[in-house]
All heavy atoms as atom14 arrays in JSON, in Angstrom:
{
  "sequence": "GDRRLRTYSKGMLQRIGLAQALLHDPDLLLLDEPTAGVDPLGS",
  "atom14_mask": [
    [1, 1, 1, 1, 0, 0, 0, 0, 0, 0, 0, 0, 0, 0],
    [1, 1, 1, 1, 1, 1, 1, 1, 0, 0, 0, 0, 0, 0],
    [1, 1, 1, 1, 1, 1, 1, 1, 1, 1, 1, 0, 0, 0],
    [1, 1, 1, 1, 1, 1, 1, 1, 1, 1, 1, 0, 0, 0],
    [1, 1, 1, 1, 1, 1, 1, 1, 0, 0, 0, 0, 0, 0],
    [1, 1, 1, 1, 1, 1, 1, 1, 1, 1, 1, 0, 0, 0],
    [1, 1, 1, 1, 1, 1, 1, 0, 0, 0, 0, 0, 0, 0],
    [1, 1, 1, 1, 1, 1, 1, 1, 1, 1, 1, 1, 0, 0],
    [1, 1, 1, 1, 1, 1, 0, 0, 0, 0, 0, 0, 0, 0],
    [1, 1, 1, 1, 1, 1, 1, 1, 1, 0, 0, 0, 0, 0],
    [1, 1, 1, 1, 0, 0, 0, 0, 0, 0, 0, 0, 0, 0],
    [1, 1, 1, 1, 1, 1, 1, 1, 0, 0, 0, 0, 0, 0],
    [1, 1, 1, 1, 1, 1, 1, 1, 0, 0, 0, 0, 0, 0],
    [1, 1, 1, 1, 1, 1, 1, 1, 1, 0, 0, 0, 0, 0],
    [1, 1, 1, 1, 1, 1, 1, 1, 1, 1, 1, 0, 0, 0],
    [1, 1, 1, 1, 1, 1, 1, 1, 0, 0, 0, 0, 0, 0],
    [1, 1, 1, 1, 0, 0, 0, 0, 0, 0, 0, 0, 0, 0],
    [1, 1, 1, 1, 1, 1, 1, 1, 0, 0, 0, 0, 0, 0],
    [1, 1, 1, 1, 1, 0, 0, 0, 0, 0, 0, 0, 0, 0],
    [1, 1, 1, 1, 1, 1, 1, 1, 1, 0, 0, 0, 0, 0],
    [1, 1, 1, 1, 1, 0, 0, 0, 0, 0, 0, 0, 0, 0],
    [1, 1, 1, 1, 1, 1, 1, 1, 0, 0, 0, 0, 0, 0],
    [1, 1, 1, 1, 1, 1, 1, 1, 0, 0, 0, 0, 0, 0],
    [1, 1, 1, 1, 1, 1, 1, 1, 1, 1, 0, 0, 0, 0],
    [1, 1, 1, 1, 1, 1, 1, 1, 0, 0, 0, 0, 0, 0],
    [1, 1, 1, 1, 1, 1, 1, 0, 0, 0, 0, 0, 0, 0],
    [1, 1, 1, 1, 1, 1, 1, 1, 0, 0, 0, 0, 0, 0],
    [1, 1, 1, 1, 1, 1, 1, 1, 0, 0, 0, 0, 0, 0],
    [1, 1, 1, 1, 1, 1, 1, 1, 0, 0, 0, 0, 0, 0],
    [1, 1, 1, 1, 1, 1, 1, 1, 0, 0, 0, 0, 0, 0],
    [1, 1, 1, 1, 1, 1, 1, 1, 0, 0, 0, 0, 0, 0],
    [1, 1, 1, 1, 1, 1, 1, 1, 0, 0, 0, 0, 0, 0],
    [1, 1, 1, 1, 1, 1, 1, 1, 1, 0, 0, 0, 0, 0],
    [1, 1, 1, 1, 1, 1, 1, 0, 0, 0, 0, 0, 0, 0],
    [1, 1, 1, 1, 1, 1, 1, 0, 0, 0, 0, 0, 0, 0],
    [1, 1, 1, 1, 1, 0, 0, 0, 0, 0, 0, 0, 0, 0],
    [1, 1, 1, 1, 0, 0, 0, 0, 0, 0, 0, 0, 0, 0],
    [1, 1, 1, 1, 1, 1, 1, 0, 0, 0, 0, 0, 0, 0],
    [1, 1, 1, 1, 1, 1, 1, 1, 0, 0, 0, 0, 0, 0],
    [1, 1, 1, 1, 1, 1, 1, 0, 0, 0, 0, 0, 0, 0],
    [1, 1, 1, 1, 1, 1, 1, 1, 0, 0, 0, 0, 0, 0],
    [1, 1, 1, 1, 0, 0, 0, 0, 0, 0, 0, 0, 0, 0],
    [1, 1, 1, 1, 1, 1, 0, 0, 0, 0, 0, 0, 0, 0]
  ],
  "atom14_positions": [
    [[0.79, -1.22, 0.0], [-0.05, 0.03, 0.05], [0.81, 1.27, 0.03], [0.4, 2.37, -0.44], [0.0, 0.0, 0.0], [0.0, 0.0, 0.0], [0.0, 0.0, 0.0], [0.0, 0.0, 0.0], [0.0, 0.0, 0.0], [0.0, 0.0, 0.0], [0.0, 0.0, 0.0], [0.0, 0.0, 0.0], [0.0, 0.0, 0.0], [0.0, 0.0, 0.0]],
    [[2.06, 1.22, 0.54], [2.84, 2.48, 0.62], [3.91, 2.45, -0.51], [4.77, 3.38, -0.46], [3.56, 2.49, 1.99], [2.54, 2.56, 3.14], [1.63, 3.49, 2.91], [2.61, 1.95, 4.15], [0.0, 0.0, 0.0], [0.0, 0.0, 0.0], [0.0, 0.0, 0.0], [0.0, 0.0, 0.0], [0.0, 0.0, 0.0], [0.0, 0.0, 0.0]],
    [[3.9, 1.53, -1.47], [4.76, 1.54, -2.62], [4.21, 2.51, -3.74], [3.02, 2.61, -3.82], [5.01, 0.17, -3.16], [5.93, -0.7, -2.26], [5.94, -2.17, -2.79], [6.09, -2.28, -4.24], [5.99, -3.49, -4.87], [5.78, -4.47, -4.19], [6.04, -3.5, -6.19], [0.0, 0.0, 0.0], [0.0, 0.0, 0.0], [0.0, 0.0, 0.0]],
    [[5.17, 3.1, -4.42], [4.71, 3.89, -5.54], [4.06, 3.03, -6.65], [4.61, 1.9, -6.91], [5.88, 4.77, -6.21], [6.5, 5.67, -5.1], [5.51, 6.56, -4.49], [6.13, 7.42, -3.35], [5.4, 8.23, -2.59], [4.12, 8.28, -2.78], [5.99, 8.72, -1.62], [0.0, 0.0, 0.0], [0.0, 0.0, 0.0], [0.0, 0.0, 0.0]],
    [[3.14, 3.51, -7.35], [2.5, 2.79, -8.45], [3.41, 2.47, -9.56], [3.1, 1.53, -10.23], [1.26, 3.52, -9.0], [-0.13, 3.03, -8.25], [-0.18, 3.22, -6.83], [-1.31, 3.79, -8.95], [0.0, 0.0, 0.0], [0.0, 0.0, 0.0], [0.0, 0.0, 0.0], [0.0, 0.0, 0.0], [0.0, 0.0, 0.0], [0.0, 0.0, 0.0]],
    [[4.49, 3.28, -9.69], [5.4, 2.85, -10.78], [6.1, 1.53, -10.58], [6.55, 1.05, -11.44], [6.44, 3.98, -10.97], [7.43, 4.15, -9.79], [8.52, 5.13, -10.08], [8.06, 6.44, -10.22], [7.99, 7.37, -9.34], [8.45, 7.13, -8.17], [7.55, 8.59, -9.65], [0.0, 0.0, 0.0], [0.0, 0.0, 0.0], [0.0, 0.0, 0.0]],
    [[6.08, 0.98, -9.37], [6.68, -0.33, -9.02], [5.66, -1.44, -9.14], [6.05, -2.57, -9.04], [7.33, -0.28, -7.66], [6.26, -0.2, -6.67], [8.18, 0.94, -7.49], [0.0, 0.0, 0.0], [0.0, 0.0, 0.0], [0.0, 0.0, 0.0], [0.0, 0.0, 0.0], [0.0, 0.0, 0.0], [0.0, 0.0, 0.0], [0.0, 0.0, 0.0]],
    [[4.3, -1.1, -9.46], [3.35, -2.22, -9.42], [3.32, -2.88, -10.76], [3.57, -2.4, -11.89], [1.92, -1.55, -9.31], [1.49, -1.23, -7.85], [2.48, -1.03, -6.88], [0.21, -1.16, -7.54], [2.11, -0.73, -5.49], [-0.19, -0.87, -6.22], [0.75, -0.62, -5.26], [0.41, -0.25, -3.94], [0.0, 0.0, 0.0], [0.0, 0.0, 0.0]],
    [[3.03, -4.19, -10.64], [2.85, -5.03, -11.9], [1.51, -4.77, -12.52], [0.67, -4.07, -11.89], [2.98, -6.46, -11.64], [1.88, -6.95, -10.76], [0.0, 0.0, 0.0], [0.0, 0.0, 0.0], [0.0, 0.0, 0.0], [0.0, 0.0, 0.0], [0.0, 0.0, 0.0], [0.0, 0.0, 0.0], [0.0, 0.0, 0.0], [0.0, 0.0, 0.0]],
    [[1.25, -5.36, -13.76], [-0.09, -5.04, -14.3], [-1.17, -5.69, -13.44], [-2.3, -4.99, -13.26], [-0.19, -5.78, -15.67], [-1.49, -5.65, -16.34], [-1.83, -4.22, -16.75], [-3.2, -4.18, -17.44], [-3.34, -4.81, -18.78], [0.0, 0.0, 0.0], [0.0, 0.0, 0.0], [0.0, 0.0, 0.0], [0.0, 0.0, 0.0], [0.0, 0.0, 0.0]],
    [[-0.99, -6.8, -12.92], [-1.9, -7.49, -12.03], [-2.26, -6.52, -10.74], [-3.47, -6.5, -10.33], [0.0, 0.0, 0.0], [0.0, 0.0, 0.0], [0.0, 0.0, 0.0], [0.0, 0.0, 0.0], [0.0, 0.0, 0.0], [0.0, 0.0, 0.0], [0.0, 0.0, 0.0], [0.0, 0.0, 0.0], [0.0, 0.0, 0.0], [0.0, 0.0, 0.0]],
    [[-1.17, -5.91, -10.16], [-1.39, -5.14, -9.1], [-2.11, -3.9, -9.38], [-2.93, -3.39, -8.57], [-0.06, -4.84, -8.36], [0.76, -6.01, -7.77], [2.41, -5.71, -7.38], [2.22, -4.65, -5.94], [0.0, 0.0, 0.0], [0.0, 0.0, 0.0], [0.0, 0.0, 0.0], [0.0, 0.0, 0.0], [0.0, 0.0, 0.0], [0.0, 0.0, 0.0]],
    [[-1.79, -3.24, -10.59], [-2.66, -2.05, -10.94], [-4.02, -2.44, -11.21], [-4.95, -1.64, -10.9], [-1.97, -1.59, -12.32], [-0.63, -0.85, -12.15], [-0.03, -0.53, -13.64], [-0.68, 0.37, -11.4], [0.0, 0.0, 0.0], [0.0, 0.0, 0.0], [0.0, 0.0, 0.0], [0.0, 0.0, 0.0], [0.0, 0.0, 0.0], [0.0, 0.0, 0.0]],
    [[-4.33, -3.58, -11.69], [-5.77, -3.98, -11.88], [-6.39, -4.07, -10.53], [-7.58, -3.64, -10.3], [-5.87, -5.3, -12.66], [-5.47, -5.2, -14.09], [-6.3, -4.44, -14.91], [-6.23, -3.2, -15.06], [-7.36, -5.05, -15.56], [0.0, 0.0, 0.0], [0.0, 0.0, 0.0], [0.0, 0.0, 0.0], [0.0, 0.0, 0.0], [0.0, 0.0, 0.0]],
    [[-5.68, -4.68, -9.54], [-6.4, -4.85, -8.21], [-6.49, -3.49, -7.44], [-7.45, -3.37, -6.81], [-5.51, -5.76, -7.39], [-5.73, -7.27, -7.83], [-5.09, -8.26, -6.9], [-3.59, -8.36, -7.34], [-2.67, -8.64, -6.46], [-2.86, -8.75, -5.19], [-1.38, -8.75, -6.86], [0.0, 0.0, 0.0], [0.0, 0.0, 0.0], [0.0, 0.0, 0.0]],
    [[-5.52, -2.55, -7.63], [-5.77, -1.24, -7.04], [-6.87, -0.54, -7.67], [-7.61, 0.14, -7.06], [-4.41, -0.42, -7.04], [-4.46, 0.57, -5.93], [-4.11, 0.24, -8.33], [-4.47, 0.11, -4.61], [0.0, 0.0, 0.0], [0.0, 0.0, 0.0], [0.0, 0.0, 0.0], [0.0, 0.0, 0.0], [0.0, 0.0, 0.0], [0.0, 0.0, 0.0]],
    [[-6.99, -0.75, -9.05], [-8.11, -0.24, -9.82], [-9.42, -0.78, -9.25], [-10.46, -0.02, -9.2], [0.0, 0.0, 0.0], [0.0, 0.0, 0.0], [0.0, 0.0, 0.0], [0.0, 0.0, 0.0], [0.0, 0.0, 0.0], [0.0, 0.0, 0.0], [0.0, 0.0, 0.0], [0.0, 0.0, 0.0], [0.0, 0.0, 0.0], [0.0, 0.0, 0.0]],
    [[-9.51, -1.95, -9.01], [-10.67, -2.66, -8.43], [-11.01, -2.07, -7.07], [-12.25, -1.87, -6.74], [-10.59, -4.22, -8.31], [-11.78, -4.99, -7.87], [-12.98, -4.65, -8.72], [-11.38, -6.48, -8.02], [0.0, 0.0, 0.0], [0.0, 0.0, 0.0], [0.0, 0.0, 0.0], [0.0, 0.0, 0.0], [0.0, 0.0, 0.0], [0.0, 0.0, 0.0]],
    [[-9.98, -1.93, -6.23], [-10.26, -1.27, -4.84], [-10.81, 0.15, -5.13], [-11.59, 0.6, -4.31], [-8.89, -1.23, -4.21], [0.0, 0.0, 0.0], [0.0, 0.0, 0.0], [0.0, 0.0, 0.0], [0.0, 0.0, 0.0], [0.0, 0.0, 0.0], [0.0, 0.0, 0.0], [0.0, 0.0, 0.0], [0.0, 0.0, 0.0], [0.0, 0.0, 0.0]],
    [[-10.28, 0.89, -6.06], [-10.79, 2.18, -6.34], [-12.2, 2.09, -6.71], [-13.04, 3.04, -6.36], [-9.92, 2.81, -7.43], [-10.39, 4.21, -7.92], [-11.44, 4.0, -9.1], [-12.36, 4.76, -9.28], [-11.23, 3.02, -10.04], [0.0, 0.0, 0.0], [0.0, 0.0, 0.0], [0.0, 0.0, 0.0], [0.0, 0.0, 0.0], [0.0, 0.0, 0.0]],
    [[-12.72, 1.17, -7.51], [-13.98, 1.06, -7.94], [-14.95, 0.68, -6.75], [-16.08, 1.07, -6.8], [-14.07, -0.09, -9.09], [0.0, 0.0, 0.0], [0.0, 0.0, 0.0], [0.0, 0.0, 0.0], [0.0, 0.0, 0.0], [0.0, 0.0, 0.0], [0.0, 0.0, 0.0], [0.0, 0.0, 0.0], [0.0, 0.0, 0.0], [0.0, 0.0, 0.0]],
    [[-14.43, 0.16, -5.67], [-15.11, -0.23, -4.62], [-15.19, 0.67, -3.37], [-15.8, 0.57, -2.37], [-14.7, -1.53, -3.92], [-14.86, -2.83, -4.85], [-14.0, -4.01, -4.3], [-16.27, -3.27, -5.01], [0.0, 0.0, 0.0], [0.0, 0.0, 0.0], [0.0, 0.0, 0.0], [0.0, 0.0, 0.0], [0.0, 0.0, 0.0], [0.0, 0.0, 0.0]],
    [[-14.53, 1.85, -3.65], [-14.44, 2.82, -2.52], [-15.74, 3.28, -1.93], [-15.85, 3.39, -0.67], [-13.54, 4.09, -3.01], [-12.14, 3.9, -2.88], [-11.41, 5.03, -3.62], [-11.6, 4.05, -1.46], [0.0, 0.0, 0.0], [0.0, 0.0, 0.0], [0.0, 0.0, 0.0], [0.0, 0.0, 0.0], [0.0, 0.0, 0.0], [0.0, 0.0, 0.0]],
    [[-16.76, 3.58, -2.83], [-17.94, 4.09, -2.31], [-19.03, 2.98, -2.06], [-20.16, 3.3, -2.0], [-18.6, 5.19, -3.21], [-18.72, 4.74, -4.59], [-17.68, 4.25, -5.47], [-19.75, 4.63, -5.42], [-18.17, 3.91, -6.66], [-19.52, 4.08, -6.6], [0.0, 0.0, 0.0], [0.0, 0.0, 0.0], [0.0, 0.0, 0.0], [0.0, 0.0, 0.0]],
    [[-18.48, 1.77, -2.01], [-19.27, 0.58, -1.73], [-20.58, 0.49, -2.72], [-21.73, 0.52, -2.36], [-19.96, 0.6, -0.32], [-20.56, -0.67, 0.15], [-20.14, -1.77, -0.46], [-21.37, -0.67, 1.09], [0.0, 0.0, 0.0], [0.0, 0.0, 0.0], [0.0, 0.0, 0.0], [0.0, 0.0, 0.0], [0.0, 0.0, 0.0], [0.0, 0.0, 0.0]],
    [[-20.25, 0.44, -4.13], [-21.35, 0.38, -5.05], [-22.02, -0.88, -5.06], [-21.62, -1.97, -4.67], [-20.58, 0.68, -6.42], [-19.22, 0.07, -6.15], [-18.97, 0.29, -4.74], [0.0, 0.0, 0.0], [0.0, 0.0, 0.0], [0.0, 0.0, 0.0], [0.0, 0.0, 0.0], [0.0, 0.0, 0.0], [0.0, 0.0, 0.0], [0.0, 0.0, 0.0]],
    [[-23.34, -0.94, -5.58], [-24.09, -2.09, -5.78], [-23.78, -2.83, -7.06], [-24.09, -4.02, -7.19], [-25.54, -1.82, -5.69], [-26.03, -1.13, -4.36], [-25.69, -1.75, -3.31], [-26.53, -0.02, -4.34], [0.0, 0.0, 0.0], [0.0, 0.0, 0.0], [0.0, 0.0, 0.0], [0.0, 0.0, 0.0], [0.0, 0.0, 0.0], [0.0, 0.0, 0.0]],
    [[-23.28, -2.11, -8.01], [-22.99, -2.69, -9.26], [-21.55, -2.36, -9.72], [-21.1, -1.21, -9.62], [-24.0, -2.22, -10.47], [-23.68, -2.45, -11.93], [-23.7, -4.03, -12.11], [-24.63, -1.73, -12.8], [0.0, 0.0, 0.0], [0.0, 0.0, 0.0], [0.0, 0.0, 0.0], [0.0, 0.0, 0.0], [0.0, 0.0, 0.0], [0.0, 0.0, 0.0]],
    [[-20.81, -3.44, -10.23], [-19.41, -3.25, -10.66], [-19.33, -3.53, -12.24], [-19.88, -4.62, -12.64], [-18.48, -4.19, -9.93], [-18.08, -3.86, -8.54], [-17.24, -5.07, -7.95], [-17.19, -2.56, -8.57], [0.0, 0.0, 0.0], [0.0, 0.0, 0.0], [0.0, 0.0, 0.0], [0.0, 0.0, 0.0], [0.0, 0.0, 0.0], [0.0, 0.0, 0.0]],
    [[-18.85, -2.6, -13.0], [-18.55, -2.8, -14.41], [-17.03, -2.95, -14.54], [-16.26, -2.03, -14.17], [-19.05, -1.53, -15.17], [-20.59, -1.34, -15.17], [-20.96, -0.19, -15.93], [-21.35, -2.55, -15.7], [0.0, 0.0, 0.0], [0.0, 0.0, 0.0], [0.0, 0.0, 0.0], [0.0, 0.0, 0.0], [0.0, 0.0, 0.0], [0.0, 0.0, 0.0]],
    [[-16.62, -4.04, -15.08], [-15.14, -4.37, -15.19], [-14.94, -4.74, -16.65], [-15.44, -5.66, -17.21], [-14.82, -5.7, -14.29], [-15.29, -5.62, -12.9], [-14.96, -6.98, -12.15], [-14.7, -4.39, -12.15], [0.0, 0.0, 0.0], [0.0, 0.0, 0.0], [0.0, 0.0, 0.0], [0.0, 0.0, 0.0], [0.0, 0.0, 0.0], [0.0, 0.0, 0.0]],
    [[-14.11, -3.81, -17.36], [-13.82, -3.95, -18.68], [-12.53, -4.73, -18.89], [-11.45, -4.22, -18.55], [-13.76, -2.61, -19.35], [-13.75, -2.54, -20.83], [-13.9, -3.75, -21.38], [-13.68, -1.5, -21.6], [0.0, 0.0, 0.0], [0.0, 0.0, 0.0], [0.0, 0.0, 0.0], [0.0, 0.0, 0.0], [0.0, 0.0, 0.0], [0.0, 0.0, 0.0]],
    [[-12.66, -5.89, -19.32], [-11.4, -6.75, -19.5], [-10.63, -6.81, -18.25], [-9.37, -6.48, -18.38], [-10.7, -6.35, -20.71], [-11.31, -6.36, -22.13], [-11.45, -7.71, -22.73], [-10.87, -8.7, -22.05], [-12.08, -7.87, -23.73], [0.0, 0.0, 0.0], [0.0, 0.0, 0.0], [0.0, 0.0, 0.0], [0.0, 0.0, 0.0], [0.0, 0.0, 0.0]],
    [[-11.02, -7.21, -17.11], [-10.3, -7.08, -15.91], [-9.01, -7.97, -15.89], [-8.21, -7.55, -15.13], [-11.28, -7.49, -14.86], [-12.23, -8.4, -15.52], [-12.37, -7.8, -16.96], [0.0, 0.0, 0.0], [0.0, 0.0, 0.0], [0.0, 0.0, 0.0], [0.0, 0.0, 0.0], [0.0, 0.0, 0.0], [0.0, 0.0, 0.0], [0.0, 0.0, 0.0]],
    [[-9.0, -9.08, -16.62], [-7.84, -9.97, -16.55], [-6.82, -9.84, -17.79], [-6.02, -10.7, -17.87], [-8.19, -11.45, -16.47], [-9.01, -11.77, -17.59], [-9.07, -11.52, -15.07], [0.0, 0.0, 0.0], [0.0, 0.0, 0.0], [0.0, 0.0, 0.0], [0.0, 0.0, 0.0], [0.0, 0.0, 0.0], [0.0, 0.0, 0.0], [0.0, 0.0, 0.0]],
    [[-7.08, -8.84, -18.79], [-6.39, -8.68, -19.85], [-4.93, -8.3, -19.49], [-4.64, -7.44, -18.77], [-6.93, -7.59, -20.75], [0.0, 0.0, 0.0], [0.0, 0.0, 0.0], [0.0, 0.0, 0.0], [0.0, 0.0, 0.0], [0.0, 0.0, 0.0], [0.0, 0.0, 0.0], [0.0, 0.0, 0.0], [0.0, 0.0, 0.0], [0.0, 0.0, 0.0]],
    [[-3.97, -9.14, -20.03], [-2.54, -8.82, -19.87], [-2.03, -9.2, -18.56], [-0.89, -8.88, -18.04], [0.0, 0.0, 0.0], [0.0, 0.0, 0.0], [0.0, 0.0, 0.0], [0.0, 0.0, 0.0], [0.0, 0.0, 0.0], [0.0, 0.0, 0.0], [0.0, 0.0, 0.0], [0.0, 0.0, 0.0], [0.0, 0.0, 0.0], [0.0, 0.0, 0.0]],
    [[-2.92, -9.92, -17.74], [-2.48, -10.27, -16.27], [-1.99, -11.77, -16.28], [-2.58, -12.55, -16.98], [-3.68, -10.11, -15.39], [-3.33, -10.57, -13.93], [-4.18, -8.68, -15.4], [0.0, 0.0, 0.0], [0.0, 0.0, 0.0], [0.0, 0.0, 0.0], [0.0, 0.0, 0.0], [0.0, 0.0, 0.0], [0.0, 0.0, 0.0], [0.0, 0.0, 0.0]],
    [[-0.93, -12.02, -15.54], [-0.51, -13.46, -15.36], [-1.55, -14.31, -14.8], [-2.48, -13.87, -14.06], [0.84, -13.54, -14.58], [0.71, -13.07, -13.24], [-0.09, -13.71, -12.5], [1.42, -12.07, -12.81], [0.0, 0.0, 0.0], [0.0, 0.0, 0.0], [0.0, 0.0, 0.0], [0.0, 0.0, 0.0], [0.0, 0.0, 0.0], [0.0, 0.0, 0.0]],
    [[-1.39, -15.63, -14.88], [-2.38, -16.56, -14.29], [-2.7, -16.37, -12.92], [-3.91, -16.47, -12.56], [-1.74, -17.92, -14.68], [-0.85, -17.74, -15.81], [-0.29, -16.44, -15.59], [0.0, 0.0, 0.0], [0.0, 0.0, 0.0], [0.0, 0.0, 0.0], [0.0, 0.0, 0.0], [0.0, 0.0, 0.0], [0.0, 0.0, 0.0], [0.0, 0.0, 0.0]],
    [[-1.75, -16.06, -12.01], [-2.03, -15.9, -10.59], [-2.77, -14.64, -10.33], [-3.83, -14.69, -9.6], [-0.68, -15.85, -9.84], [-0.91, -15.68, -8.36], [-1.67, -16.78, -7.71], [0.5, -15.48, -7.63], [0.0, 0.0, 0.0], [0.0, 0.0, 0.0], [0.0, 0.0, 0.0], [0.0, 0.0, 0.0], [0.0, 0.0, 0.0], [0.0, 0.0, 0.0]],
    [[-2.46, -13.55, -11.07], [-3.21, -12.34, -10.89], [-4.63, -12.51, -11.45], [-5.56, -11.93, -10.82], [0.0, 0.0, 0.0], [0.0, 0.0, 0.0], [0.0, 0.0, 0.0], [0.0, 0.0, 0.0], [0.0, 0.0, 0.0], [0.0, 0.0, 0.0], [0.0, 0.0, 0.0], [0.0, 0.0, 0.0], [0.0, 0.0, 0.0], [0.0, 0.0, 0.0]],
    [[-4.7, -13.19, -12.59], [-6.01, -13.45, -13.1], [-6.93, -14.11, -12.11], [-8.14, -13.89, -12.01], [-5.92, -14.17, -14.41], [-7.17, -14.47, -14.99], [0.0, 0.0, 0.0], [0.0, 0.0, 0.0], [0.0, 0.0, 0.0], [0.0, 0.0, 0.0], [0.0, 0.0, 0.0], [0.0, 0.0, 0.0], [0.0, 0.0, 0.0], [0.0, 0.0, 0.0]]
  ]
}
């Protein structure tokens, strides 16, 4: 959490993006190609 985003992998960026989408506790999540370019573990 305290690392700069420039050091994040693609999978980590996707997950921080997902956390950002959940900040206001929405009822509906829209995820556009959430696993594109992510390794199998991150996927």
